[in-house]
C-alpha cells in the first residue's frame, strides 16, 4: 500500500496507460482523481470503486488551462493535498507526411501533448511546494528519443515532454517536488488500436514488437507500473529523468540480429 492516504491526479484516465495507472494507484491506497475528455472515464472510476478503491471522475481537456487548474484546486479543496500527478493524456496526430502537414495539426497535438504537460507541472507543483514534497510523472515516448516511432508533431511533442521533465526538475530545485517521465515503446492502448487491429486482421499480430530485444509489445499495466514507481518513495532520488519502457528498443542502433555489419 505505497500510496495509502495519498491523493493522485491522473489525466488520460479513460483508457490505456492512464486507466491502468488509476486502477493500480487506487489498489495501493490512493484516492484517485481520474481525468479525461471522454465520458468513458466514468467506467474507470466505477471499476476502482467496485474493487473497494476511492476515485472520482473529472471530465475535461488536459490541454485546457482552466480545467487543469480546476482539477488541482479540487484536490486541494476536497482533500487538502496532492501527492502525485500523472500527466498521461495525449493524442497521436496521425502520420501525415511532412509536405502535407498543416499548422493546425501541429497546434492540436502540441496543445494536448506538450502544453498540457506544462500546465500539469505548473499547477501540480503549486499544490505540492507548500508541503515540501510531491511527484509529477509525464508520459513521453520513444518517439521523443529518436525518429521512427511516430508522426512529426507527435514526436516533437514527446521530445518536448522529455525536455520539460529535465527543465522543470531544475526549476523546482529545493522544493522537494520531483519531475520525471516515462518513454513507452509499442503498447496495446486505444491510441495504438489501428496498428493492432491491422496486424490482427492480417494475421501477423505475433510480429508486433519484433524490433526490440524482448520481441513483444507491452501491456498498459507495464507502463503504469513504472509511473507508480516514479510516484513512490522508492524513487525519492530519481528526478529529471526520462525512463524508456520499451523492451530495449532504444538501446540499439538498427541492426540485423546476430550481425554487426
C-alpha atoms as a PDB file:
ATOM      1  CA  UNK A   1       0.000   0.000   0.000  1.00  0.00           C
ATOM      2  CA  UNK A   2       2.591   2.543  -1.152  1.00  0.00           C
ATOM      3  CA  UNK A   3       0.024   5.303  -1.592  1.00  0.00           C
ATOM      4  CA  UNK A   4      -2.180   4.850   1.464  1.00  0.00           C
ATOM      5  CA  UNK A   5      -3.757   8.200   2.361  1.00  0.00           C
ATOM      6  CA  UNK A   6      -2.372   9.947  -0.701  1.00  0.00           C
ATOM      7  CA  UNK A   7      -4.216  11.843  -3.424  1.00  0.00           C
ATOM      8  CA  UNK A   8      -3.236  11.285  -7.055  1.00  0.00           C
ATOM      9  CA  UNK A   9      -4.450  13.032 -10.212  1.00  0.00           C
ATOM     10  CA  UNK A  10      -4.247  11.017 -13.440  1.00  0.00           C
ATOM     11  CA  UNK A  11      -5.009  12.518 -16.854  1.00  0.00           C
ATOM     12  CA  UNK A  12      -5.966  10.417 -19.856  1.00  0.00           C
ATOM     13  CA  UNK A  13      -7.594   8.022 -17.394  1.00  0.00           C
ATOM     14  CA  UNK A  14     -10.410   6.698 -19.584  1.00  0.00           C
ATOM     15  CA  UNK A  15      -8.282   4.063 -21.308  1.00  0.00           C
ATOM     16  CA  UNK A  16      -4.853   2.580 -21.812  1.00  0.00           C
ATOM     17  CA  UNK A  17      -1.989   3.550 -19.536  1.00  0.00           C
ATOM     18  CA  UNK A  18      -3.998   6.154 -17.637  1.00  0.00           C
ATOM     19  CA  UNK A  19      -6.761   3.713 -16.852  1.00  0.00           C
ATOM     20  CA  UNK A  20      -4.288   1.048 -15.745  1.00  0.00           C
ATOM     21  CA  UNK A  21      -2.478   3.564 -13.538  1.00  0.00           C
ATOM     22  CA  UNK A  22      -5.729   4.745 -11.949  1.00  0.00           C
ATOM     23  CA  UNK A  23      -6.647   1.186 -11.001  1.00  0.00           C
ATOM     24  CA  UNK A  24      -3.159   0.468  -9.678  1.00  0.00           C
ATOM     25  CA  UNK A  25      -2.859   3.683  -7.639  1.00  0.00           C
ATOM     26  CA  UNK A  26      -6.249   3.002  -6.065  1.00  0.00           C
ATOM     27  CA  UNK A  27      -5.351  -0.625  -5.335  1.00  0.00           C
ATOM     28  CA  UNK A  28      -2.362   0.662  -3.358  1.00  0.00           C
ATOM     29  CA  UNK A  29      -4.426   3.023  -1.228  1.00  0.00           C
ATOM     30  CA  UNK A  30      -4.585   6.305  -3.145  1.00  0.00           C
ATOM     31  CA  UNK A  31      -7.635   8.431  -3.702  1.00  0.00           C
ATOM     32  CA  UNK A  32      -7.600   8.919  -7.474  1.00  0.00           C
ATOM     33  CA  UNK A  33      -8.897  11.892  -9.399  1.00  0.00           C
ATOM     34  CA  UNK A  34      -9.318  10.354 -12.849  1.00  0.00           C
ATOM     35  CA  UNK A  35      -9.447  12.958 -15.609  1.00  0.00           C
ATOM     36  CA  UNK A  36     -10.202  12.590 -19.295  1.00  0.00           C
ATOM     37  CA  UNK A  37     -12.059  14.414 -22.032  1.00  0.00           C
ATOM     38  CA  UNK A  38     -14.111  11.274 -22.647  1.00  0.00           C
ATOM     39  CA  UNK A  39     -17.129  10.383 -20.530  1.00  0.00           C
ATOM     40  CA  UNK A  40     -15.720   6.836 -20.584  1.00  0.00           C
ATOM     41  CA  UNK A  41     -13.586   7.872 -17.614  1.00  0.00           C
ATOM     42  CA  UNK A  42     -16.661   7.064 -15.528  1.00  0.00           C
ATOM     43  CA  UNK A  43     -16.076   3.373 -16.305  1.00  0.00           C
ATOM     44  CA  UNK A  44     -12.560   3.620 -14.870  1.00  0.00           C
ATOM     45  CA  UNK A  45     -13.930   5.143 -11.682  1.00  0.00           C
ATOM     46  CA  UNK A  46     -16.655   2.513 -11.436  1.00  0.00           C
ATOM     47  CA  UNK A  47     -14.085  -0.271 -11.681  1.00  0.00           C
ATOM     48  CA  UNK A  48     -11.958   1.358  -8.974  1.00  0.00           C
ATOM     49  CA  UNK A  49     -14.955   1.620  -6.683  1.00  0.00           C
ATOM     50  CA  UNK A  50     -16.109  -1.916  -7.435  1.00  0.00           C
ATOM     51  CA  UNK A  51     -12.714  -3.124  -6.233  1.00  0.00           C
ATOM     52  CA  UNK A  52     -13.078  -1.169  -2.999  1.00  0.00           C
ATOM     53  CA  UNK A  53     -10.967   1.816  -4.018  1.00  0.00           C
ATOM     54  CA  UNK A  54     -11.622   5.549  -3.973  1.00  0.00           C
ATOM     55  CA  UNK A  55     -11.877   7.560  -7.178  1.00  0.00           C
ATOM     56  CA  UNK A  56     -13.712  10.448  -8.770  1.00  0.00           C
ATOM     57  CA  UNK A  57     -14.162  11.288 -12.450  1.00  0.00           C
ATOM     58  CA  UNK A  58     -13.254  14.687 -13.877  1.00  0.00           C
ATOM     59  CA  UNK A  59     -14.308  15.280 -17.475  1.00  0.00           C
ATOM     60  CA  UNK A  60     -12.321  17.901 -19.343  1.00  0.00           C
ATOM     61  CA  UNK A  61      -9.443  18.690 -21.671  1.00  0.00           C
ATOM     62  CA  UNK A  62      -5.932  18.177 -20.270  1.00  0.00           C
ATOM     63  CA  UNK A  63      -4.713  20.870 -22.666  1.00  0.00           C
ATOM     64  CA  UNK A  64      -7.128  23.466 -21.267  1.00  0.00           C
ATOM     65  CA  UNK A  65      -5.617  25.779 -18.665  1.00  0.00           C
ATOM     66  CA  UNK A  66      -8.842  26.360 -16.755  1.00  0.00           C
ATOM     67  CA  UNK A  67      -9.602  22.635 -16.495  1.00  0.00           C
ATOM     68  CA  UNK A  68      -6.139  21.682 -15.235  1.00  0.00           C
ATOM     69  CA  UNK A  69      -6.206  24.458 -12.640  1.00  0.00           C
ATOM     70  CA  UNK A  70      -9.706  23.445 -11.536  1.00  0.00           C
ATOM     71  CA  UNK A  71      -8.671  19.789 -11.184  1.00  0.00           C
ATOM     72  CA  UNK A  72      -5.768  20.693  -8.911  1.00  0.00           C
ATOM     73  CA  UNK A  73      -7.921  23.151  -6.958  1.00  0.00           C
ATOM     74  CA  UNK A  74     -10.473  20.385  -6.404  1.00  0.00           C
ATOM     75  CA  UNK A  75      -7.802  18.102  -4.950  1.00  0.00           C
ATOM     76  CA  UNK A  76      -6.831  20.843  -2.512  1.00  0.00           C
ATOM     77  CA  UNK A  77     -10.394  21.836  -1.658  1.00  0.00           C
ATOM     78  CA  UNK A  78     -11.641  18.296  -1.113  1.00  0.00           C
ATOM     79  CA  UNK A  79      -8.535  16.594   0.251  1.00  0.00           C
ATOM     80  CA  UNK A  80      -6.113  19.398   1.243  1.00  0.00           C
ATOM     81  CA  UNK A  81      -3.293  17.735  -0.633  1.00  0.00           C
ATOM     82  CA  UNK A  82      -1.988  16.466  -3.957  1.00  0.00           C
ATOM     83  CA  UNK A  83       0.783  13.909  -3.629  1.00  0.00           C
ATOM     84  CA  UNK A  84       1.302  12.830  -7.237  1.00  0.00           C
ATOM     85  CA  UNK A  85       0.188  13.860 -10.687  1.00  0.00           C
ATOM     86  CA  UNK A  86       0.473  11.556 -13.685  1.00  0.00           C
ATOM     87  CA  UNK A  87       0.242  13.753 -16.796  1.00  0.00           C
ATOM     88  CA  UNK A  88      -0.545  10.949 -19.176  1.00  0.00           C
ATOM     89  CA  UNK A  89      -3.094  12.429 -21.598  1.00  0.00           C
ATOM     90  CA  UNK A  90      -2.006  12.565 -25.220  1.00  0.00           C
ATOM     91  CA  UNK A  91      -3.081  12.258 -28.844  1.00  0.00           C
ATOM     92  CA  UNK A  92      -1.248  10.711 -31.783  1.00  0.00           C
ATOM     93  CA  UNK A  93      -1.888  13.245 -34.528  1.00  0.00           C
ATOM     94  CA  UNK A  94      -1.561  10.607 -37.242  1.00  0.00           C
ATOM     95  CA  UNK A  95       1.229  10.076 -39.756  1.00  0.00           C
ATOM     96  CA  UNK A  96       0.737  12.943 -42.203  1.00  0.00           C
ATOM     97  CA  UNK A  97       3.832  13.386 -44.428  1.00  0.00           C
ATOM     98  CA  UNK A  98       5.981  16.493 -43.942  1.00  0.00           C
ATOM     99  CA  UNK A  99       4.889  18.198 -47.178  1.00  0.00           C
ATOM    100  CA  UNK A 100       1.209  17.772 -46.299  1.00  0.00           C
ATOM    101  CA  UNK A 101       1.312  18.802 -42.641  1.00  0.00           C
ATOM    102  CA  UNK A 102      -0.730  21.851 -41.705  1.00  0.00           C
ATOM    103  CA  UNK A 103      -0.155  24.279 -38.854  1.00  0.00           C
ATOM    104  CA  UNK A 104      -3.480  23.414 -37.232  1.00  0.00           C
ATOM    105  CA  UNK A 105      -2.402  19.779 -36.949  1.00  0.00           C
ATOM    106  CA  UNK A 106       0.733  20.871 -35.103  1.00  0.00           C
ATOM    107  CA  UNK A 107      -1.218  23.185 -32.837  1.00  0.00           C
ATOM    108  CA  UNK A 108      -3.686  20.481 -31.829  1.00  0.00           C
ATOM    109  CA  UNK A 109      -1.004  17.938 -30.931  1.00  0.00           C
ATOM    110  CA  UNK A 110       1.266  20.398 -29.147  1.00  0.00           C
ATOM    111  CA  UNK A 111      -1.607  21.842 -27.122  1.00  0.00           C
ATOM    112  CA  UNK A 112      -2.576  18.491 -25.622  1.00  0.00           C
ATOM    113  CA  UNK A 113       0.740  16.649 -25.536  1.00  0.00           C
ATOM    114  CA  UNK A 114       3.115  19.441 -24.574  1.00  0.00           C
ATOM    115  CA  UNK A 115       1.248  22.448 -23.247  1.00  0.00           C
ATOM    116  CA  UNK A 116      -0.966  20.042 -21.308  1.00  0.00           C
ATOM    117  CA  UNK A 117       2.081  18.599 -19.564  1.00  0.00           C
ATOM    118  CA  UNK A 118       3.419  22.091 -18.848  1.00  0.00           C
ATOM    119  CA  UNK A 119       0.097  23.004 -17.243  1.00  0.00           C
ATOM    120  CA  UNK A 120       0.133  19.818 -15.181  1.00  0.00           C
ATOM    121  CA  UNK A 121       3.631  20.587 -13.922  1.00  0.00           C
ATOM    122  CA  UNK A 122       2.880  24.234 -13.171  1.00  0.00           C
ATOM    123  CA  UNK A 123      -0.405  23.596 -11.383  1.00  0.00           C
ATOM    124  CA  UNK A 124       0.660  20.352  -9.739  1.00  0.00           C
ATOM    125  CA  UNK A 125       3.842  21.838  -8.315  1.00  0.00           C
ATOM    126  CA  UNK A 126       1.854  24.812  -6.986  1.00  0.00           C
ATOM    127  CA  UNK A 127      -0.097  22.370  -4.829  1.00  0.00           C
ATOM    128  CA  UNK A 128       2.941  20.347  -3.784  1.00  0.00           C
ATOM    129  CA  UNK A 129       5.527  23.017  -2.918  1.00  0.00           C
ATOM    130  CA  UNK A 130       3.897  24.120   0.365  1.00  0.00           C
ATOM    131  CA  UNK A 131       4.157  20.535   1.644  1.00  0.00           C
ATOM    132  CA  UNK A 132       7.786  20.231   0.535  1.00  0.00           C
ATOM    133  CA  UNK A 133       7.164  17.007  -1.351  1.00  0.00           C
ATOM    134  CA  UNK A 134       5.468  15.662  -4.454  1.00  0.00           C
ATOM    135  CA  UNK A 135       5.945  13.660  -7.640  1.00  0.00           C
ATOM    136  CA  UNK A 136       4.953  14.586 -11.173  1.00  0.00           C
ATOM    137  CA  UNK A 137       5.235  11.989 -13.916  1.00  0.00           C
ATOM    138  CA  UNK A 138       4.547  12.631 -17.593  1.00  0.00           C
ATOM    139  CA  UNK A 139       4.079  10.220 -20.457  1.00  0.00           C
ATOM    140  CA  UNK A 140       6.596  10.940 -23.216  1.00  0.00           C
ATOM    141  CA  UNK A 141       7.514   8.274 -25.802  1.00  0.00           C
ATOM    142  CA  UNK A 142      10.398   6.560 -27.525  1.00  0.00           C
ATOM    143  CA  UNK A 143       9.263   8.776 -30.412  1.00  0.00           C
ATOM    144  CA  UNK A 144      10.695  11.659 -28.411  1.00  0.00           C
ATOM    145  CA  UNK A 145      14.100   9.991 -28.237  1.00  0.00           C
ATOM    146  CA  UNK A 146      14.660   9.499 -31.949  1.00  0.00           C
ATOM    147  CA  UNK A 147      12.864   9.188 -35.272  1.00  0.00           C
ATOM    148  CA  UNK A 148      10.862   6.199 -36.418  1.00  0.00           C
ATOM    149  CA  UNK A 149       8.148   5.808 -33.796  1.00  0.00           C
ATOM    150  CA  UNK A 150       5.528   8.402 -34.693  1.00  0.00           C
ATOM    151  CA  UNK A 151       4.495  11.345 -36.816  1.00  0.00           C
ATOM    152  CA  UNK A 152       6.376  14.640 -36.754  1.00  0.00           C
ATOM    153  CA  UNK A 153       4.091  16.645 -34.429  1.00  0.00           C
ATOM    154  CA  UNK A 154       3.737  13.705 -32.047  1.00  0.00           C
ATOM    155  CA  UNK A 155       7.470  13.011 -31.956  1.00  0.00           C
ATOM    156  CA  UNK A 156       8.339  16.665 -31.456  1.00  0.00           C
ATOM    157  CA  UNK A 157       5.768  16.991 -28.690  1.00  0.00           C
ATOM    158  CA  UNK A 158       7.187  13.991 -26.855  1.00  0.00           C
ATOM    159  CA  UNK A 159      10.750  15.280 -27.194  1.00  0.00           C
ATOM    160  CA  UNK A 160       9.381  18.435 -25.611  1.00  0.00           C
ATOM    161  CA  UNK A 161       7.926  16.423 -22.723  1.00  0.00           C
ATOM    162  CA  UNK A 162      11.364  14.956 -22.033  1.00  0.00           C
ATOM    163  CA  UNK A 163      12.814  18.470 -22.000  1.00  0.00           C
ATOM    164  CA  UNK A 164      10.034  19.633 -19.677  1.00  0.00           C
ATOM    165  CA  UNK A 165      10.869  16.886 -17.191  1.00  0.00           C
ATOM    166  CA  UNK A 166      14.508  17.948 -17.202  1.00  0.00           C
ATOM    167  CA  UNK A 167      13.986  21.700 -17.074  1.00  0.00           C
ATOM    168  CA  UNK A 168      11.119  21.592 -14.584  1.00  0.00           C
ATOM    169  CA  UNK A 169      13.118  19.394 -12.215  1.00  0.00           C
ATOM    170  CA  UNK A 170      15.747  22.121 -12.151  1.00  0.00           C
ATOM    171  CA  UNK A 171      13.261  24.988 -11.972  1.00  0.00           C
ATOM    172  CA  UNK A 172      11.828  23.274  -8.886  1.00  0.00           C
ATOM    173  CA  UNK A 173      15.211  22.762  -7.231  1.00  0.00           C
ATOM    174  CA  UNK A 174      14.997  22.734  -3.453  1.00  0.00           C
ATOM    175  CA  UNK A 175      11.214  22.367  -3.319  1.00  0.00           C
ATOM    176  CA  UNK A 176      11.086  18.604  -2.793  1.00  0.00           C
ATOM    177  CA  UNK A 177       8.978  18.185  -5.932  1.00  0.00           C
ATOM    178  CA  UNK A 178      10.331  15.620  -8.394  1.00  0.00           C
ATOM    179  CA  UNK A 179       9.537  15.568 -12.123  1.00  0.00           C
ATOM    180  CA  UNK A 180      10.195  12.558 -14.357  1.00  0.00           C
ATOM    181  CA  UNK A 181       8.741  10.987 -17.472  1.00  0.00           C
ATOM    182  CA  UNK A 182       8.336   7.550 -18.985  1.00  0.00           C
ATOM    183  CA  UNK A 183       9.029   6.830 -22.651  1.00  0.00           C
ATOM    184  CA  UNK A 184       6.808   3.919 -23.687  1.00  0.00           C
ATOM    185  CA  UNK A 185       7.565   1.749 -26.659  1.00  0.00           C
ATOM    186  CA  UNK A 186       4.813  -0.057 -28.546  1.00  0.00           C
ATOM    187  CA  UNK A 187       1.957  -0.606 -26.094  1.00  0.00           C
ATOM    188  CA  UNK A 188      -1.535  -2.004 -26.586  1.00  0.00           C
ATOM    189  CA  UNK A 189      -3.723   1.052 -25.904  1.00  0.00           C
ATOM    190  CA  UNK A 190      -6.565   2.933 -27.531  1.00  0.00           C
ATOM    191  CA  UNK A 191      -4.094   5.195 -29.307  1.00  0.00           C
ATOM    192  CA  UNK A 192      -2.324   2.264 -30.953  1.00  0.00           C
ATOM    193  CA  UNK A 193      -5.541   0.355 -31.722  1.00  0.00           C
ATOM    194  CA  UNK A 194      -5.271   0.935 -35.506  1.00  0.00           C
ATOM    195  CA  UNK A 195      -1.832  -0.718 -35.520  1.00  0.00           C
ATOM    196  CA  UNK A 196      -3.034  -3.704 -33.514  1.00  0.00           C
ATOM    197  CA  UNK A 197      -6.317  -4.046 -35.394  1.00  0.00           C
ATOM    198  CA  UNK A 198      -4.497  -4.005 -38.728  1.00  0.00           C
ATOM    199  CA  UNK A 199      -1.983  -6.603 -37.602  1.00  0.00           C
ATOM    200  CA  UNK A 200      -4.717  -8.878 -36.264  1.00  0.00           C
ATOM    201  CA  UNK A 201      -6.687  -8.541 -39.473  1.00  0.00           C
ATOM    202  CA  UNK A 202      -3.623  -9.620 -41.438  1.00  0.00           C
ATOM    203  CA  UNK A 203      -2.904 -12.475 -39.036  1.00  0.00           C
ATOM    204  CA  UNK A 204       0.537 -11.213 -38.036  1.00  0.00           C
ATOM    205  CA  UNK A 205      -0.080  -9.897 -34.540  1.00  0.00           C
ATOM    206  CA  UNK A 206       2.863 -12.007 -33.387  1.00  0.00           C
ATOM    207  CA  UNK A 207       5.222  -9.697 -35.269  1.00  0.00           C
ATOM    208  CA  UNK A 208       4.232  -6.644 -33.244  1.00  0.00           C
ATOM    209  CA  UNK A 209       7.187  -5.524 -31.139  1.00  0.00           C
ATOM    210  CA  UNK A 210       9.617  -7.717 -33.070  1.00  0.00           C
ATOM    211  CA  UNK A 211      12.222  -4.942 -33.269  1.00  0.00           C
ATOM    212  CA  UNK A 212      13.007  -4.874 -29.549  1.00  0.00           C
ATOM    213  CA  UNK A 213      15.100  -7.493 -27.709  1.00  0.00           C
ATOM    214  CA  UNK A 214      12.082  -8.825 -25.806  1.00  0.00           C
ATOM    215  CA  UNK A 215      10.343  -9.389 -29.169  1.00  0.00           C
ATOM    216  CA  UNK A 216       6.920  -8.340 -27.910  1.00  0.00           C
ATOM    217  CA  UNK A 217       4.744  -5.318 -27.220  1.00  0.00           C
ATOM    218  CA  UNK A 218       3.821  -4.016 -23.774  1.00  0.00           C
ATOM    219  CA  UNK A 219       0.565  -4.057 -21.886  1.00  0.00           C
ATOM    220  CA  UNK A 220      -0.593  -0.751 -20.368  1.00  0.00           C
ATOM    221  CA  UNK A 221      -0.045  -2.133 -16.868  1.00  0.00           C
ATOM    222  CA  UNK A 222       3.683  -2.490 -17.608  1.00  0.00           C
ATOM    223  CA  UNK A 223       3.924   1.216 -18.388  1.00  0.00           C
ATOM    224  CA  UNK A 224       1.744   2.189 -15.432  1.00  0.00           C
ATOM    225  CA  UNK A 225       3.934   0.171 -13.064  1.00  0.00           C
ATOM    226  CA  UNK A 226       6.917   2.381 -13.875  1.00  0.00           C
ATOM    227  CA  UNK A 227       4.828   5.525 -13.375  1.00  0.00           C
ATOM    228  CA  UNK A 228       3.796   4.220  -9.950  1.00  0.00           C
ATOM    229  CA  UNK A 229       7.426   3.550  -9.071  1.00  0.00           C
ATOM    230  CA  UNK A 230       8.360   7.115 -10.016  1.00  0.00           C
ATOM    231  CA  UNK A 231       5.485   8.441  -7.897  1.00  0.00           C
ATOM    232  CA  UNK A 232       6.531   6.387  -4.875  1.00  0.00           C
ATOM    233  CA  UNK A 233       9.059   6.998  -2.128  1.00  0.00           C
ATOM    234  CA  UNK A 234      11.136   4.187  -3.627  1.00  0.00           C
ATOM    235  CA  UNK A 235      12.073   6.720  -6.341  1.00  0.00           C
ATOM    236  CA  UNK A 236      12.840   9.510  -3.867  1.00  0.00           C
ATOM    237  CA  UNK A 237      16.241  10.202  -5.501  1.00  0.00           C
ATOM    238  CA  UNK A 238      15.052   9.927  -9.104  1.00  0.00           C
ATOM    239  CA  UNK A 239      14.500  13.348 -10.645  1.00  0.00           C
ATOM    240  CA  UNK A 240      14.607  14.929 -14.102  1.00  0.00           C
ATOM    241  CA  UNK A 241      14.806  11.585 -15.861  1.00  0.00           C
ATOM    242  CA  UNK A 242      13.248  10.047 -18.968  1.00  0.00           C
ATOM    243  CA  UNK A 243      12.844   6.307 -18.406  1.00  0.00           C
ATOM    244  CA  UNK A 244      12.482   4.215 -21.573  1.00  0.00           C
ATOM    245  CA  UNK A 245       9.965   1.401 -21.074  1.00  0.00           C
ATOM    246  CA  UNK A 246      10.340  -0.148 -24.495  1.00  0.00           C
ATOM    247  CA  UNK A 247      11.593  -3.716 -24.218  1.00  0.00           C
ATOM    248  CA  UNK A 248      15.083  -2.481 -25.085  1.00  0.00           C
ATOM    249  CA  UNK A 249      14.131  -0.884 -28.418  1.00  0.00           C
ATOM    250  CA  UNK A 250      16.050   2.337 -27.780  1.00  0.00           C
ATOM    251  CA  UNK A 251      19.175   0.512 -26.563  1.00  0.00           C
ATOM    252  CA  UNK A 252      20.485  -0.200 -30.054  1.00  0.00           C
ATOM    253  CA  UNK A 253      21.054   1.248 -33.482  1.00  0.00           C
ATOM    254  CA  UNK A 254      19.229  -0.620 -36.264  1.00  0.00           C
ATOM    255  CA  UNK A 255      20.955  -3.969 -36.848  1.00  0.00           C
ATOM    256  CA  UNK A 256      20.407  -7.334 -38.440  1.00  0.00           C
ATOM    257  CA  UNK A 257      20.114  -9.744 -35.469  1.00  0.00           C
ATOM    258  CA  UNK A 258      23.391 -11.558 -34.926  1.00  0.00           C
ATOM    259  CA  UNK A 259      25.365  -9.275 -37.230  1.00  0.00           C
ATOM    260  CA  UNK A 260      27.296  -6.052 -36.655  1.00  0.00           C
ATOM    261  CA  UNK A 261      27.752  -5.076 -40.286  1.00  0.00           C
END
